[in-house]
Every structure is written in structure tokens, then in C-alpha cells.
């Protein structure tokens, strides 16, 4: 699958009704998106000041599913503290636009189904992963973490998200989870690990206000 780790996380985290069931899942998806924008140099996150800056590079066509988040940051006249960005993103209608953008990108690629339900005022569209679509993703994580395969940055980031949102145990046996968590702990000084954990903590400080 030629998907980003954030798209893969969506396929693992969203249920059959197109729902993100917990605040941890929502917060992790948002933190993962920030991490992805940062890794690909579309934004710059300064850990010392916790400010997010827009880099000079415009958002690439293959990352348009992140556009609602990118546009939020790009529209600011001055650098914003990531706490403020998290607050705006999670507690405004941009939240729905972001989740819909992510889901729509996967539906276009054939990995998710569009679900339309009649709302009180207007129809609501959600995107649910196709049945068993996450199996190849889960197998790759198992191979790289538990079966001695080469650990790629993509799998590493995805596994951080699965672990942070507490859904890793939904896919692996207890002994596998233990092995994965131990390996992650060994890599705790990795720059990606530190940045992902920082962003998750900051986002969840504000994500706790969310009412799914």
C-alpha cells in the first residue's frame, strides 16, 4: 500500500461506522498529522517555544488530505503556540473537515467506503475502512517489530500512534504487544519518538475537552 503512516493509522483506528471512538484516537490522529507535516518540512515545529511555523514549501499534491490542518496553520499571520492550534483544530468545525479529508482520500484510493446518513438538518458523510483492509498493515508492523525485519520510519511512526492511542492491543497478542512496547522503549531517544510524544502530550492536554 502506498499510503502515509497517518492514512494507515486512520484505517486501523476508525470503526465500521466511520467513527473515532475515543479522545485518545482523535488526539493521536491530529498529533500524527502534525508530525507528518513536520517530517516532510511543510511546517516547522520549535520544541523550545512550542511554536509552529509554516515552511516555505507549499503542501504537495500527495498530502492534500492534510490540507485543512495545513491551511489552518498557513492562515496565521504569526507563529502560533501548538496548544492554540490544537484547541482551534479539535474544538471547531475544522476538526470535521480534517477527518473528512483524510477519509475521502482513502475512499478515492479504494481503501474506505463512503457512508451517508440523514442528519436532522443535512446529510452527514463519514468514511469507514473496508473490511480487513488493515491486515497487511498489521502484518508489516509484526514483521518489522517482532520478526526481525528492518524497521522503517513509516512503520515506526505508525506504531507510535497505535501505542499512544491504546489500540495496539486490538491487533496483537499480549506477548507481541510486550515485545513492541519494549522495542519502542529502547528507541525512546529517537528524534521521531521524542517529537511524536511531545506533540501527543500537547494535543491531549486540549483534546480532553473534546466531546465526540
C-alpha atoms as a PDB file:
ATOM      1  CA  UNK A   1       0.000   0.000   0.000  1.00  0.00           C
ATOM      2  CA  UNK A   2       1.385   3.379  -0.982  1.00  0.00           C
ATOM      3  CA  UNK A   3      -0.126   5.234   1.930  1.00  0.00           C
ATOM      4  CA  UNK A   4       1.359   7.506   4.553  1.00  0.00           C
ATOM      5  CA  UNK A   5       1.536   6.299   8.132  1.00  0.00           C
ATOM      6  CA  UNK A   6      -1.239   8.747   9.074  1.00  0.00           C
ATOM      7  CA  UNK A   7      -3.537   7.275   6.425  1.00  0.00           C
ATOM      8  CA  UNK A   8      -2.650   3.787   7.615  1.00  0.00           C
ATOM      9  CA  UNK A   9      -3.432   4.801  11.177  1.00  0.00           C
ATOM     10  CA  UNK A  10      -6.868   6.017  10.064  1.00  0.00           C
ATOM     11  CA  UNK A  11      -7.543   2.582   8.556  1.00  0.00           C
ATOM     12  CA  UNK A  12      -6.582   0.930  11.841  1.00  0.00           C
ATOM     13  CA  UNK A  13      -8.312   3.374  14.176  1.00  0.00           C
ATOM     14  CA  UNK A  14     -11.671   4.213  12.586  1.00  0.00           C
ATOM     15  CA  UNK A  15     -14.511   1.757  13.177  1.00  0.00           C
ATOM     16  CA  UNK A  16     -17.050   0.288  10.739  1.00  0.00           C
ATOM     17  CA  UNK A  17     -19.364   3.267  11.287  1.00  0.00           C
ATOM     18  CA  UNK A  18     -16.657   5.770  10.342  1.00  0.00           C
ATOM     19  CA  UNK A  19     -16.212   6.859  13.972  1.00  0.00           C
ATOM     20  CA  UNK A  20     -13.159   7.773  16.040  1.00  0.00           C
ATOM     21  CA  UNK A  21     -14.381   6.262  19.285  1.00  0.00           C
ATOM     22  CA  UNK A  22     -12.082   7.800  21.885  1.00  0.00           C
ATOM     23  CA  UNK A  23     -10.381  11.116  22.565  1.00  0.00           C
ATOM     24  CA  UNK A  24      -7.027   9.336  22.515  1.00  0.00           C
ATOM     25  CA  UNK A  25      -7.679   8.111  18.953  1.00  0.00           C
ATOM     26  CA  UNK A  26      -8.701  11.582  17.776  1.00  0.00           C
ATOM     27  CA  UNK A  27      -5.790  13.277  19.545  1.00  0.00           C
ATOM     28  CA  UNK A  28      -3.316  10.773  18.139  1.00  0.00           C
ATOM     29  CA  UNK A  29      -4.613  11.246  14.589  1.00  0.00           C
ATOM     30  CA  UNK A  30      -4.149  15.004  14.914  1.00  0.00           C
ATOM     31  CA  UNK A  31      -0.699  14.674  16.505  1.00  0.00           C
ATOM     32  CA  UNK A  32       0.306  12.229  13.780  1.00  0.00           C
ATOM     33  CA  UNK A  33      -0.766  14.692  11.108  1.00  0.00           C
ATOM     34  CA  UNK A  34       1.300  17.457  12.709  1.00  0.00           C
ATOM     35  CA  UNK A  35       4.256  15.075  12.852  1.00  0.00           C
ATOM     36  CA  UNK A  36       3.801  14.182   9.183  1.00  0.00           C
ATOM     37  CA  UNK A  37       3.685  17.832   8.119  1.00  0.00           C
ATOM     38  CA  UNK A  38       6.819  18.485  10.162  1.00  0.00           C
ATOM     39  CA  UNK A  39       8.761  15.480   8.857  1.00  0.00           C
ATOM     40  CA  UNK A  40       8.028  16.497   5.271  1.00  0.00           C
ATOM     41  CA  UNK A  41       9.026  20.116   6.000  1.00  0.00           C
ATOM     42  CA  UNK A  42       5.674  21.688   5.266  1.00  0.00           C
ATOM     43  CA  UNK A  43       5.740  23.167   8.764  1.00  0.00           C
ATOM     44  CA  UNK A  44       8.430  23.713  11.363  1.00  0.00           C
ATOM     45  CA  UNK A  45       7.805  22.912  15.000  1.00  0.00           C
ATOM     46  CA  UNK A  46      10.110  24.580  17.525  1.00  0.00           C
ATOM     47  CA  UNK A  47      10.115  22.434  20.634  1.00  0.00           C
ATOM     48  CA  UNK A  48      11.707  25.111  22.835  1.00  0.00           C
ATOM     49  CA  UNK A  49       8.905  27.631  22.278  1.00  0.00           C
ATOM     50  CA  UNK A  50       6.234  25.107  21.210  1.00  0.00           C
ATOM     51  CA  UNK A  51       5.521  27.284  18.182  1.00  0.00           C
ATOM     52  CA  UNK A  52       4.525  26.075  14.729  1.00  0.00           C
ATOM     53  CA  UNK A  53       5.841  27.921  11.701  1.00  0.00           C
ATOM     54  CA  UNK A  54       4.935  27.448   8.051  1.00  0.00           C
ATOM     55  CA  UNK A  55       7.890  26.417   5.956  1.00  0.00           C
ATOM     56  CA  UNK A  56       8.459  27.997   2.541  1.00  0.00           C
ATOM     57  CA  UNK A  57       7.453  24.808   0.733  1.00  0.00           C
ATOM     58  CA  UNK A  58       3.768  24.606  -0.282  1.00  0.00           C
ATOM     59  CA  UNK A  59       1.755  21.490   0.525  1.00  0.00           C
ATOM     60  CA  UNK A  60       2.465  18.751  -2.003  1.00  0.00           C
ATOM     61  CA  UNK A  61      -0.323  17.178  -4.068  1.00  0.00           C
ATOM     62  CA  UNK A  62       0.166  13.793  -2.414  1.00  0.00           C
ATOM     63  CA  UNK A  63      -0.521  15.345   1.001  1.00  0.00           C
ATOM     64  CA  UNK A  64      -3.790  17.136   0.214  1.00  0.00           C
ATOM     65  CA  UNK A  65      -5.625  15.058   2.848  1.00  0.00           C
ATOM     66  CA  UNK A  66      -3.745  17.199   5.399  1.00  0.00           C
ATOM     67  CA  UNK A  67      -4.898  20.450   3.783  1.00  0.00           C
ATOM     68  CA  UNK A  68      -7.423  21.534   6.486  1.00  0.00           C
ATOM     69  CA  UNK A  69      -4.664  21.383   9.101  1.00  0.00           C
ATOM     70  CA  UNK A  70      -2.051  22.946   6.840  1.00  0.00           C
ATOM     71  CA  UNK A  71      -4.413  25.775   5.833  1.00  0.00           C
ATOM     72  CA  UNK A  72      -5.196  26.496   9.488  1.00  0.00           C
ATOM     73  CA  UNK A  73      -1.521  26.981  10.234  1.00  0.00           C
ATOM     74  CA  UNK A  74      -0.765  28.800   6.969  1.00  0.00           C
ATOM     75  CA  UNK A  75      -3.553  31.316   7.535  1.00  0.00           C
ATOM     76  CA  UNK A  76      -1.937  32.672  10.691  1.00  0.00           C
ATOM     77  CA  UNK A  77      -0.025  35.942  10.386  1.00  0.00           C
ATOM     78  CA  UNK A  78       2.381  34.979  13.181  1.00  0.00           C
ATOM     79  CA  UNK A  79       3.670  31.680  14.580  1.00  0.00           C
ATOM     80  CA  UNK A  80       1.180  30.095  16.933  1.00  0.00           C
ATOM     81  CA  UNK A  81       1.756  28.020  20.011  1.00  0.00           C
ATOM     82  CA  UNK A  82       0.826  24.427  19.231  1.00  0.00           C
ATOM     83  CA  UNK A  83      -1.591  24.498  22.187  1.00  0.00           C
ATOM     84  CA  UNK A  84      -3.658  27.143  20.398  1.00  0.00           C
ATOM     85  CA  UNK A  85      -3.566  25.229  17.125  1.00  0.00           C
ATOM     86  CA  UNK A  86      -4.726  22.078  18.919  1.00  0.00           C
ATOM     87  CA  UNK A  87      -7.534  23.983  20.593  1.00  0.00           C
ATOM     88  CA  UNK A  88      -8.761  25.507  17.318  1.00  0.00           C
ATOM     89  CA  UNK A  89      -8.355  22.296  15.360  1.00  0.00           C
ATOM     90  CA  UNK A  90     -10.024  19.909  17.752  1.00  0.00           C
ATOM     91  CA  UNK A  91     -12.773  22.166  19.057  1.00  0.00           C
ATOM     92  CA  UNK A  92     -14.011  23.748  15.820  1.00  0.00           C
ATOM     93  CA  UNK A  93     -15.592  22.663  12.543  1.00  0.00           C
ATOM     94  CA  UNK A  94     -12.084  22.277  11.116  1.00  0.00           C
ATOM     95  CA  UNK A  95     -11.960  19.027  13.071  1.00  0.00           C
ATOM     96  CA  UNK A  96     -14.712  17.512  10.882  1.00  0.00           C
ATOM     97  CA  UNK A  97     -13.145  18.890   7.711  1.00  0.00           C
ATOM     98  CA  UNK A  98      -9.819  17.300   8.622  1.00  0.00           C
ATOM     99  CA  UNK A  99     -11.311  13.878   9.405  1.00  0.00           C
ATOM    100  CA  UNK A 100     -13.460  14.023   6.262  1.00  0.00           C
ATOM    101  CA  UNK A 101     -10.463  14.998   4.127  1.00  0.00           C
ATOM    102  CA  UNK A 102      -8.486  12.062   5.471  1.00  0.00           C
ATOM    103  CA  UNK A 103     -11.355   9.628   4.898  1.00  0.00           C
ATOM    104  CA  UNK A 104     -12.181  10.959   1.430  1.00  0.00           C
ATOM    105  CA  UNK A 105      -8.581  10.470   0.318  1.00  0.00           C
ATOM    106  CA  UNK A 106      -8.783   6.804   1.309  1.00  0.00           C
ATOM    107  CA  UNK A 107     -12.190   6.328  -0.342  1.00  0.00           C
ATOM    108  CA  UNK A 108     -10.773   7.734  -3.585  1.00  0.00           C
ATOM    109  CA  UNK A 109      -7.965   5.180  -3.421  1.00  0.00           C
ATOM    110  CA  UNK A 110     -10.415   2.354  -2.732  1.00  0.00           C
ATOM    111  CA  UNK A 111      -9.447   1.738   0.901  1.00  0.00           C
ATOM    112  CA  UNK A 112     -12.589   3.138   2.551  1.00  0.00           C
ATOM    113  CA  UNK A 113     -16.342   3.281   1.946  1.00  0.00           C
ATOM    114  CA  UNK A 114     -18.383   6.462   1.953  1.00  0.00           C
ATOM    115  CA  UNK A 115     -21.251   6.307   4.441  1.00  0.00           C
ATOM    116  CA  UNK A 116     -24.036   8.870   4.111  1.00  0.00           C
ATOM    117  CA  UNK A 117     -26.594   9.199   6.886  1.00  0.00           C
ATOM    118  CA  UNK A 118     -29.530  11.568   7.117  1.00  0.00           C
ATOM    119  CA  UNK A 119     -28.971  14.221   9.761  1.00  0.00           C
ATOM    120  CA  UNK A 120     -31.595  16.463  11.333  1.00  0.00           C
ATOM    121  CA  UNK A 121     -30.608  19.410   9.158  1.00  0.00           C
ATOM    122  CA  UNK A 122     -28.431  17.832   6.460  1.00  0.00           C
ATOM    123  CA  UNK A 123     -26.855  14.537   5.449  1.00  0.00           C
ATOM    124  CA  UNK A 124     -23.638  13.512   7.156  1.00  0.00           C
ATOM    125  CA  UNK A 125     -20.820  11.788   5.310  1.00  0.00           C
ATOM    126  CA  UNK A 126     -18.323   9.547   7.054  1.00  0.00           C
ATOM    127  CA  UNK A 127     -15.681   7.189   5.743  1.00  0.00           C
ATOM    128  CA  UNK A 128     -15.234   3.677   7.083  1.00  0.00           C
ATOM    129  CA  UNK A 129     -12.241   1.453   6.285  1.00  0.00           C
ATOM    130  CA  UNK A 130     -13.104  -1.500   4.072  1.00  0.00           C
ATOM    131  CA  UNK A 131     -13.331  -4.832   5.879  1.00  0.00           C
ATOM    132  CA  UNK A 132      -9.937  -6.371   6.700  1.00  0.00           C
ATOM    133  CA  UNK A 133      -8.105  -3.550   4.879  1.00  0.00           C
ATOM    134  CA  UNK A 134      -5.756  -3.092   7.845  1.00  0.00           C
ATOM    135  CA  UNK A 135      -4.463  -6.686   7.778  1.00  0.00           C
ATOM    136  CA  UNK A 136      -1.429  -6.031   5.514  1.00  0.00           C
ATOM    137  CA  UNK A 137      -0.544  -3.024   7.678  1.00  0.00           C
ATOM    138  CA  UNK A 138      -0.678  -5.051  10.880  1.00  0.00           C
ATOM    139  CA  UNK A 139       1.371  -7.849   9.297  1.00  0.00           C
ATOM    140  CA  UNK A 140       4.075  -5.368   8.266  1.00  0.00           C
ATOM    141  CA  UNK A 141       4.326  -3.965  11.791  1.00  0.00           C
ATOM    142  CA  UNK A 142       4.577  -7.513  13.161  1.00  0.00           C
ATOM    143  CA  UNK A 143       7.313  -8.408  10.673  1.00  0.00           C
ATOM    144  CA  UNK A 144       9.396  -5.330  11.426  1.00  0.00           C
ATOM    145  CA  UNK A 145       8.975  -5.340  15.202  1.00  0.00           C
ATOM    146  CA  UNK A 146       8.537  -8.985  16.139  1.00  0.00           C
ATOM    147  CA  UNK A 147      10.119 -10.975  13.329  1.00  0.00           C
ATOM    148  CA  UNK A 148      13.460  -9.228  12.925  1.00  0.00           C
ATOM    149  CA  UNK A 149      12.664  -7.172   9.851  1.00  0.00           C
ATOM    150  CA  UNK A 150      14.239  -3.799   9.085  1.00  0.00           C
ATOM    151  CA  UNK A 151      12.334  -1.102  10.970  1.00  0.00           C
ATOM    152  CA  UNK A 152      11.371   1.752   8.656  1.00  0.00           C
ATOM    153  CA  UNK A 153      10.494   5.279   9.785  1.00  0.00           C
ATOM    154  CA  UNK A 154       6.992   4.811   8.370  1.00  0.00           C
ATOM    155  CA  UNK A 155       6.313   1.696  10.457  1.00  0.00           C
ATOM    156  CA  UNK A 156       7.959   3.262  13.491  1.00  0.00           C
ATOM    157  CA  UNK A 157       5.685   6.337  13.329  1.00  0.00           C
ATOM    158  CA  UNK A 158       2.578   4.242  12.729  1.00  0.00           C
ATOM    159  CA  UNK A 159       3.369   2.022  15.700  1.00  0.00           C
ATOM    160  CA  UNK A 160       3.898   5.050  17.927  1.00  0.00           C
ATOM    161  CA  UNK A 161       0.366   6.171  17.045  1.00  0.00           C
ATOM    162  CA  UNK A 162      -1.118   2.719  17.628  1.00  0.00           C
ATOM    163  CA  UNK A 163       0.583   2.610  21.011  1.00  0.00           C
ATOM    164  CA  UNK A 164      -0.268   6.178  22.063  1.00  0.00           C
ATOM    165  CA  UNK A 165      -3.961   5.682  21.290  1.00  0.00           C
ATOM    166  CA  UNK A 166      -4.105   2.364  23.168  1.00  0.00           C
ATOM    167  CA  UNK A 167      -5.453   0.404  20.212  1.00  0.00           C
ATOM    168  CA  UNK A 168      -2.313  -1.658  19.699  1.00  0.00           C
ATOM    169  CA  UNK A 169      -3.765  -4.430  21.880  1.00  0.00           C
ATOM    170  CA  UNK A 170      -6.713  -4.682  19.476  1.00  0.00           C
ATOM    171  CA  UNK A 171      -4.406  -6.152  16.849  1.00  0.00           C
ATOM    172  CA  UNK A 172      -1.707  -8.119  18.655  1.00  0.00           C
ATOM    173  CA  UNK A 173      -1.435 -10.828  21.271  1.00  0.00           C
ATOM    174  CA  UNK A 174      -0.231  -9.812  24.726  1.00  0.00           C
ATOM    175  CA  UNK A 175       3.283 -11.157  24.162  1.00  0.00           C
ATOM    176  CA  UNK A 176       3.524  -9.304  20.842  1.00  0.00           C
ATOM    177  CA  UNK A 177       2.381  -6.068  22.463  1.00  0.00           C
ATOM    178  CA  UNK A 178       5.024  -6.535  25.147  1.00  0.00           C
ATOM    179  CA  UNK A 179       7.754  -7.029  22.520  1.00  0.00           C
ATOM    180  CA  UNK A 180       6.630  -3.961  20.561  1.00  0.00           C
ATOM    181  CA  UNK A 181       6.432  -1.764  23.657  1.00  0.00           C
ATOM    182  CA  UNK A 182       9.881  -2.909  24.795  1.00  0.00           C
ATOM    183  CA  UNK A 183      11.355  -2.092  21.390  1.00  0.00           C
ATOM    184  CA  UNK A 184       9.712   1.324  21.409  1.00  0.00           C
ATOM    185  CA  UNK A 185      11.169   1.945  24.864  1.00  0.00           C
ATOM    186  CA  UNK A 186      14.635   1.061  23.559  1.00  0.00           C
ATOM    187  CA  UNK A 187      14.139   3.691  20.854  1.00  0.00           C
ATOM    188  CA  UNK A 188      12.847   6.375  23.218  1.00  0.00           C
ATOM    189  CA  UNK A 189      15.830   8.660  22.464  1.00  0.00           C
ATOM    190  CA  UNK A 190      14.972   8.647  18.757  1.00  0.00           C
ATOM    191  CA  UNK A 191      14.101  12.152  17.500  1.00  0.00           C
ATOM    192  CA  UNK A 192      10.850  10.957  15.946  1.00  0.00           C
ATOM    193  CA  UNK A 193       9.841   9.282  19.217  1.00  0.00           C
ATOM    194  CA  UNK A 194      10.531  12.415  21.246  1.00  0.00           C
ATOM    195  CA  UNK A 195       8.694  14.709  18.816  1.00  0.00           C
ATOM    196  CA  UNK A 196       5.695  12.375  18.493  1.00  0.00           C
ATOM    197  CA  UNK A 197       5.374  12.008  22.253  1.00  0.00           C
ATOM    198  CA  UNK A 198       5.678  15.781  22.757  1.00  0.00           C
ATOM    199  CA  UNK A 199       3.020  16.570  20.166  1.00  0.00           C
ATOM    200  CA  UNK A 200       0.699  13.899  21.551  1.00  0.00           C
ATOM    201  CA  UNK A 201       1.022  15.236  25.100  1.00  0.00           C
ATOM    202  CA  UNK A 202       0.353  18.815  23.992  1.00  0.00           C
ATOM    203  CA  UNK A 203      -2.614  17.838  21.834  1.00  0.00           C
ATOM    204  CA  UNK A 204      -4.183  15.655  24.521  1.00  0.00           C
ATOM    205  CA  UNK A 205      -3.937  18.458  27.065  1.00  0.00           C
ATOM    206  CA  UNK A 206      -6.520  20.223  24.906  1.00  0.00           C
ATOM    207  CA  UNK A 207      -8.107  17.161  23.336  1.00  0.00           C
ATOM    208  CA  UNK A 208      -9.532  16.197  26.730  1.00  0.00           C
ATOM    209  CA  UNK A 209     -12.104  18.948  26.152  1.00  0.00           C
ATOM    210  CA  UNK A 210     -13.412  17.192  23.067  1.00  0.00           C
ATOM    211  CA  UNK A 211     -16.934  15.857  23.129  1.00  0.00           C
ATOM    212  CA  UNK A 212     -17.057  13.220  20.350  1.00  0.00           C
END
